[in-house]
């Protein structure tokens, strides 16, 4: 499933940036990220990407090969994940290599905790 020639330098996010973020911005960001998780296929795409070692990244065709969805559906879900900030894509020749944003899961969990505690 993994593409040998495809590399992706993942973006990174640190949950500690929340210390400097106002509550309304946190709530807005939580809603945006939650939209990315609002479909089981997108959760599965994140699971697939999260379980790849850093040196091995997926292209859309790799993900299509694992999911029972058409390529167009997978592409649409990948687009939502990119727009909401869960994944990053890097062009590698004729392919786009996808990787999960480093630290995004921890960041999301901190957003949930902070939003609920207020």
N, C-alpha and C. Protein backbone atom coordinates (compact mmCIF):
# COMPACT_ATOMS: atom_id res chain seq x y z
N UNK A 1 0.81 -1.20 0.00
CA UNK A 1 0.00 0.00 0.00
C UNK A 1 0.86 1.26 0.00
N UNK A 2 2.04 1.22 0.53
CA UNK A 2 2.86 2.41 0.65
C UNK A 2 3.64 2.65 -0.64
N UNK A 3 3.85 3.91 -0.94
CA UNK A 3 4.55 4.29 -2.15
C UNK A 3 6.00 4.58 -1.81
N UNK A 4 6.93 3.83 -2.40
CA UNK A 4 8.35 3.96 -2.07
C UNK A 4 8.94 5.31 -2.46
N UNK A 5 8.53 5.87 -3.58
CA UNK A 5 9.14 7.10 -4.08
C UNK A 5 8.48 8.36 -3.55
N UNK A 6 7.49 8.23 -2.74
CA UNK A 6 6.72 9.38 -2.29
C UNK A 6 7.15 9.79 -0.89
N UNK A 7 7.51 11.04 -0.73
CA UNK A 7 7.85 11.55 0.59
C UNK A 7 6.99 12.77 0.89
N UNK A 8 6.79 13.01 2.14
CA UNK A 8 5.99 14.15 2.55
C UNK A 8 6.61 14.71 3.81
N UNK A 9 6.95 15.96 3.79
CA UNK A 9 7.45 16.62 4.99
C UNK A 9 6.24 17.16 5.73
N UNK A 10 5.82 16.47 6.80
CA UNK A 10 4.57 16.86 7.45
C UNK A 10 4.64 18.22 8.10
N UNK A 11 3.51 18.91 8.03
CA UNK A 11 3.39 20.13 8.80
C UNK A 11 3.28 19.72 10.25
N UNK A 12 3.54 20.65 11.14
CA UNK A 12 3.50 20.32 12.55
C UNK A 12 2.71 21.39 13.29
N UNK A 13 2.00 20.95 14.33
CA UNK A 13 1.25 21.87 15.16
C UNK A 13 1.50 21.48 16.61
N UNK A 14 1.64 22.45 17.46
CA UNK A 14 1.91 22.20 18.87
C UNK A 14 0.69 22.62 19.68
N UNK A 15 0.16 21.72 20.47
CA UNK A 15 -1.03 22.01 21.27
C UNK A 15 -0.81 23.16 22.24
N UNK A 16 0.45 23.46 22.55
CA UNK A 16 0.73 24.56 23.49
C UNK A 16 0.35 25.93 22.94
N UNK A 17 0.14 26.03 21.62
CA UNK A 17 -0.25 27.33 21.07
C UNK A 17 -1.62 27.76 21.60
N UNK A 18 -2.38 26.81 22.15
CA UNK A 18 -3.69 27.15 22.70
C UNK A 18 -3.58 28.09 23.89
N UNK A 19 -2.44 28.09 24.56
CA UNK A 19 -2.24 28.97 25.71
C UNK A 19 -2.38 30.44 25.31
N UNK A 20 -2.11 30.74 24.07
CA UNK A 20 -2.16 32.12 23.58
C UNK A 20 -3.38 32.39 22.71
N UNK A 21 -4.33 31.45 22.69
CA UNK A 21 -5.49 31.57 21.81
C UNK A 21 -6.74 31.88 22.62
N UNK A 22 -7.52 32.86 22.15
CA UNK A 22 -8.73 33.23 22.87
C UNK A 22 -9.80 32.15 22.72
N UNK A 23 -10.75 32.08 23.67
CA UNK A 23 -11.76 31.02 23.68
C UNK A 23 -12.61 30.95 22.41
N UNK A 24 -12.98 32.07 21.83
CA UNK A 24 -13.81 32.04 20.62
C UNK A 24 -13.05 31.44 19.44
N UNK A 25 -11.78 31.77 19.32
CA UNK A 25 -10.96 31.19 18.26
C UNK A 25 -10.82 29.68 18.45
N UNK A 26 -10.68 29.26 19.71
CA UNK A 26 -10.59 27.82 20.00
C UNK A 26 -11.87 27.11 19.58
N UNK A 27 -13.01 27.70 19.88
CA UNK A 27 -14.28 27.07 19.52
C UNK A 27 -14.45 26.98 18.01
N UNK A 28 -14.04 28.03 17.31
CA UNK A 28 -14.13 28.03 15.85
C UNK A 28 -13.22 26.95 15.27
N UNK A 29 -12.01 26.87 15.78
CA UNK A 29 -11.06 25.87 15.28
C UNK A 29 -11.53 24.45 15.58
N UNK A 30 -12.13 24.25 16.76
CA UNK A 30 -12.69 22.96 17.12
C UNK A 30 -13.79 22.55 16.15
N UNK A 31 -14.65 23.50 15.81
CA UNK A 31 -15.74 23.22 14.86
C UNK A 31 -15.18 22.86 13.48
N UNK A 32 -14.15 23.57 13.04
CA UNK A 32 -13.55 23.29 11.73
C UNK A 32 -12.95 21.89 11.70
N UNK A 33 -12.18 21.55 12.73
CA UNK A 33 -11.56 20.23 12.78
C UNK A 33 -12.61 19.13 12.92
N UNK A 34 -13.66 19.41 13.68
CA UNK A 34 -14.73 18.42 13.85
C UNK A 34 -15.43 18.13 12.53
N UNK A 35 -15.56 19.14 11.69
CA UNK A 35 -16.15 18.92 10.36
C UNK A 35 -15.32 17.88 9.60
N UNK A 36 -14.02 17.93 9.76
CA UNK A 36 -13.16 16.97 9.09
C UNK A 36 -13.40 15.54 9.53
N UNK A 37 -13.86 15.37 10.76
CA UNK A 37 -14.11 14.03 11.29
C UNK A 37 -15.56 13.58 11.12
N UNK A 38 -16.36 14.39 10.46
CA UNK A 38 -17.81 14.16 10.40
C UNK A 38 -18.25 13.09 9.42
N UNK A 39 -17.34 12.26 8.95
CA UNK A 39 -17.71 11.16 8.05
C UNK A 39 -16.78 9.98 8.35
N UNK A 40 -17.34 8.78 8.46
CA UNK A 40 -16.52 7.60 8.77
C UNK A 40 -15.36 7.37 7.79
N UNK A 41 -15.54 7.70 6.53
CA UNK A 41 -14.46 7.51 5.55
C UNK A 41 -13.29 8.42 5.87
N UNK A 42 -13.56 9.64 6.32
CA UNK A 42 -12.47 10.56 6.66
C UNK A 42 -11.74 10.09 7.91
N UNK A 43 -12.46 9.55 8.86
CA UNK A 43 -11.82 8.99 10.05
C UNK A 43 -10.91 7.83 9.63
N UNK A 44 -11.37 7.01 8.72
CA UNK A 44 -10.57 5.87 8.25
C UNK A 44 -9.34 6.35 7.48
N UNK A 45 -9.48 7.38 6.67
CA UNK A 45 -8.32 7.93 5.95
C UNK A 45 -7.29 8.43 6.95
N UNK A 46 -7.72 9.11 7.99
CA UNK A 46 -6.78 9.57 9.03
C UNK A 46 -6.10 8.40 9.71
N UNK A 47 -6.87 7.35 9.97
CA UNK A 47 -6.29 6.16 10.61
C UNK A 47 -5.21 5.55 9.71
N UNK A 48 -5.50 5.46 8.43
CA UNK A 48 -4.53 4.91 7.48
C UNK A 48 -3.26 5.76 7.48
N UNK A 49 -3.42 7.07 7.39
CA UNK A 49 -2.25 7.95 7.35
C UNK A 49 -1.49 7.96 8.67
N UNK A 50 -2.20 7.88 9.79
CA UNK A 50 -1.56 7.91 11.10
C UNK A 50 -0.72 6.66 11.35
N UNK A 51 -1.07 5.55 10.72
CA UNK A 51 -0.34 4.31 10.94
C UNK A 51 0.81 4.10 9.98
N UNK A 52 1.02 5.02 9.06
CA UNK A 52 2.17 4.93 8.17
C UNK A 52 3.39 5.50 8.87
N UNK A 53 4.55 4.85 8.74
CA UNK A 53 5.77 5.44 9.31
C UNK A 53 6.10 6.73 8.57
N UNK A 54 6.82 7.64 9.23
CA UNK A 54 7.12 8.96 8.62
C UNK A 54 7.74 8.91 7.24
N UNK A 55 8.54 7.89 6.96
CA UNK A 55 9.20 7.83 5.65
C UNK A 55 8.31 7.25 4.56
N UNK A 56 7.14 6.78 4.92
CA UNK A 56 6.22 6.20 3.94
C UNK A 56 4.92 6.98 3.95
N UNK A 57 4.59 7.60 2.85
CA UNK A 57 3.37 8.39 2.75
C UNK A 57 2.47 7.82 1.67
N UNK A 58 1.21 8.15 1.73
CA UNK A 58 0.23 7.60 0.81
C UNK A 58 -0.13 8.58 -0.30
N UNK A 59 -0.41 8.04 -1.45
CA UNK A 59 -1.03 8.82 -2.50
C UNK A 59 -2.49 8.39 -2.53
N UNK A 60 -3.31 9.14 -3.21
CA UNK A 60 -4.75 8.86 -3.25
C UNK A 60 -5.03 7.43 -3.70
N UNK A 61 -4.30 6.95 -4.68
CA UNK A 61 -4.51 5.59 -5.17
C UNK A 61 -4.27 4.54 -4.11
N UNK A 62 -3.30 4.78 -3.22
CA UNK A 62 -3.05 3.85 -2.11
C UNK A 62 -4.28 3.76 -1.20
N UNK A 63 -4.86 4.90 -0.92
CA UNK A 63 -6.02 4.96 -0.03
C UNK A 63 -7.24 4.33 -0.72
N UNK A 64 -7.40 4.59 -2.00
CA UNK A 64 -8.50 3.99 -2.76
C UNK A 64 -8.39 2.47 -2.72
N UNK A 65 -7.17 1.96 -2.76
CA UNK A 65 -6.96 0.52 -2.73
C UNK A 65 -7.39 -0.15 -1.44
N UNK A 66 -7.50 0.62 -0.37
CA UNK A 66 -7.87 0.09 0.94
C UNK A 66 -9.35 0.29 1.24
N UNK A 67 -9.92 1.38 0.78
CA UNK A 67 -11.31 1.71 1.10
C UNK A 67 -12.27 1.22 0.02
N UNK A 68 -13.48 0.89 0.41
CA UNK A 68 -14.48 0.45 -0.57
C UNK A 68 -15.20 1.64 -1.21
N UNK A 69 -14.42 2.62 -1.66
CA UNK A 69 -14.98 3.84 -2.24
C UNK A 69 -14.35 4.11 -3.59
N UNK A 70 -15.07 4.82 -4.43
CA UNK A 70 -14.53 5.24 -5.72
C UNK A 70 -13.44 6.29 -5.51
N UNK A 71 -12.56 6.40 -6.49
CA UNK A 71 -11.47 7.37 -6.41
C UNK A 71 -12.00 8.78 -6.22
N UNK A 72 -13.09 9.12 -6.89
CA UNK A 72 -13.64 10.47 -6.76
C UNK A 72 -14.14 10.74 -5.34
N UNK A 73 -14.70 9.74 -4.69
CA UNK A 73 -15.16 9.90 -3.30
C UNK A 73 -13.98 10.08 -2.36
N UNK A 74 -12.95 9.28 -2.55
CA UNK A 74 -11.75 9.41 -1.71
C UNK A 74 -11.14 10.79 -1.91
N UNK A 75 -11.05 11.25 -3.14
CA UNK A 75 -10.50 12.58 -3.42
C UNK A 75 -11.31 13.67 -2.72
N UNK A 76 -12.61 13.53 -2.72
CA UNK A 76 -13.47 14.52 -2.07
C UNK A 76 -13.23 14.53 -0.56
N UNK A 77 -13.09 13.35 0.04
CA UNK A 77 -12.83 13.26 1.47
C UNK A 77 -11.44 13.82 1.81
N UNK A 78 -10.46 13.54 0.97
CA UNK A 78 -9.12 14.08 1.18
C UNK A 78 -9.16 15.60 1.12
N UNK A 79 -9.92 16.15 0.20
CA UNK A 79 -10.04 17.60 0.08
C UNK A 79 -10.58 18.20 1.38
N UNK A 80 -11.61 17.58 1.96
CA UNK A 80 -12.17 18.09 3.21
C UNK A 80 -11.14 18.01 4.33
N UNK A 81 -10.41 16.91 4.40
CA UNK A 81 -9.38 16.76 5.44
C UNK A 81 -8.29 17.81 5.28
N UNK A 82 -7.92 18.13 4.06
CA UNK A 82 -6.93 19.18 3.83
C UNK A 82 -7.48 20.54 4.22
N UNK A 83 -8.70 20.83 3.79
CA UNK A 83 -9.31 22.14 4.07
C UNK A 83 -9.52 22.38 5.56
N UNK A 84 -9.79 21.32 6.31
CA UNK A 84 -10.04 21.48 7.73
C UNK A 84 -8.76 21.38 8.56
N UNK A 85 -7.64 21.06 7.93
CA UNK A 85 -6.35 21.11 8.62
C UNK A 85 -5.83 19.80 9.17
N UNK A 86 -6.45 18.67 8.85
CA UNK A 86 -6.00 17.39 9.37
C UNK A 86 -4.81 16.83 8.62
N UNK A 87 -4.77 17.03 7.30
CA UNK A 87 -3.69 16.44 6.52
C UNK A 87 -3.02 17.49 5.65
N UNK A 88 -1.88 17.10 5.13
CA UNK A 88 -1.06 17.95 4.28
C UNK A 88 -0.71 17.14 3.04
N UNK A 89 -0.73 17.77 1.90
CA UNK A 89 -0.35 17.10 0.66
C UNK A 89 0.85 17.78 0.04
N UNK A 90 1.76 16.98 -0.47
CA UNK A 90 2.96 17.51 -1.10
C UNK A 90 3.10 16.90 -2.49
N UNK A 91 3.28 17.75 -3.49
CA UNK A 91 3.40 17.29 -4.87
C UNK A 91 4.74 16.58 -5.04
N UNK A 92 4.69 15.39 -5.61
CA UNK A 92 5.89 14.60 -5.88
C UNK A 92 5.76 14.05 -7.29
N UNK A 93 6.22 14.82 -8.26
CA UNK A 93 6.07 14.44 -9.66
C UNK A 93 4.60 14.45 -10.04
N UNK A 94 4.10 13.34 -10.58
CA UNK A 94 2.69 13.30 -11.00
C UNK A 94 1.74 12.98 -9.83
N UNK A 95 2.27 12.78 -8.64
CA UNK A 95 1.45 12.37 -7.49
C UNK A 95 1.41 13.47 -6.44
N UNK A 96 0.44 13.36 -5.57
CA UNK A 96 0.41 14.16 -4.35
C UNK A 96 0.49 13.17 -3.21
N UNK A 97 1.49 13.35 -2.35
CA UNK A 97 1.70 12.48 -1.20
C UNK A 97 1.03 13.11 0.01
N UNK A 98 0.28 12.32 0.76
CA UNK A 98 -0.48 12.84 1.89
C UNK A 98 0.07 12.32 3.19
N UNK A 99 0.07 13.19 4.18
CA UNK A 99 0.46 12.80 5.53
C UNK A 99 -0.38 13.59 6.53
N UNK A 100 -0.57 13.00 7.69
CA UNK A 100 -1.33 13.65 8.74
C UNK A 100 -0.46 14.76 9.33
N UNK A 101 -1.06 15.86 9.71
CA UNK A 101 -0.32 16.97 10.32
C UNK A 101 0.19 16.49 11.67
N UNK A 102 1.47 16.59 11.87
CA UNK A 102 2.09 16.13 13.11
C UNK A 102 1.55 16.92 14.30
N UNK A 103 1.06 16.22 15.31
CA UNK A 103 0.54 16.85 16.52
C UNK A 103 -0.92 17.25 16.45
N UNK A 104 -1.58 17.02 15.33
CA UNK A 104 -2.96 17.49 15.16
C UNK A 104 -3.94 16.77 16.09
N UNK A 105 -3.70 15.51 16.36
CA UNK A 105 -4.61 14.76 17.24
C UNK A 105 -4.53 15.32 18.66
N UNK A 106 -3.34 15.58 19.13
CA UNK A 106 -3.16 16.16 20.46
C UNK A 106 -3.78 17.56 20.53
N UNK A 107 -3.57 18.32 19.47
CA UNK A 107 -4.14 19.67 19.38
C UNK A 107 -5.67 19.61 19.45
N UNK A 108 -6.25 18.67 18.71
CA UNK A 108 -7.71 18.52 18.69
C UNK A 108 -8.22 18.16 20.09
N UNK A 109 -7.56 17.23 20.74
CA UNK A 109 -7.98 16.82 22.08
C UNK A 109 -7.89 17.98 23.07
N UNK A 110 -6.87 18.80 22.94
CA UNK A 110 -6.75 19.97 23.81
C UNK A 110 -7.85 20.99 23.52
N UNK A 111 -8.19 21.15 22.25
CA UNK A 111 -9.30 22.04 21.90
C UNK A 111 -10.61 21.56 22.53
N UNK A 112 -10.84 20.26 22.48
CA UNK A 112 -12.06 19.70 23.08
C UNK A 112 -12.06 19.97 24.58
N UNK A 113 -10.96 19.66 25.25
CA UNK A 113 -10.89 19.88 26.70
C UNK A 113 -11.08 21.34 27.05
N UNK A 114 -10.42 22.22 26.34
CA UNK A 114 -10.51 23.65 26.64
C UNK A 114 -11.92 24.18 26.39
N UNK A 115 -12.55 23.75 25.32
CA UNK A 115 -13.89 24.24 24.99
C UNK A 115 -14.92 23.74 25.97
N UNK A 116 -14.78 22.54 26.46
CA UNK A 116 -15.73 21.98 27.41
C UNK A 116 -15.56 22.58 28.80
N UNK A 117 -14.34 22.88 29.16
CA UNK A 117 -14.06 23.38 30.51
C UNK A 117 -14.50 24.83 30.70
N UNK A 118 -14.70 25.55 29.64
CA UNK A 118 -15.07 26.97 29.78
C UNK A 118 -16.54 27.14 30.03
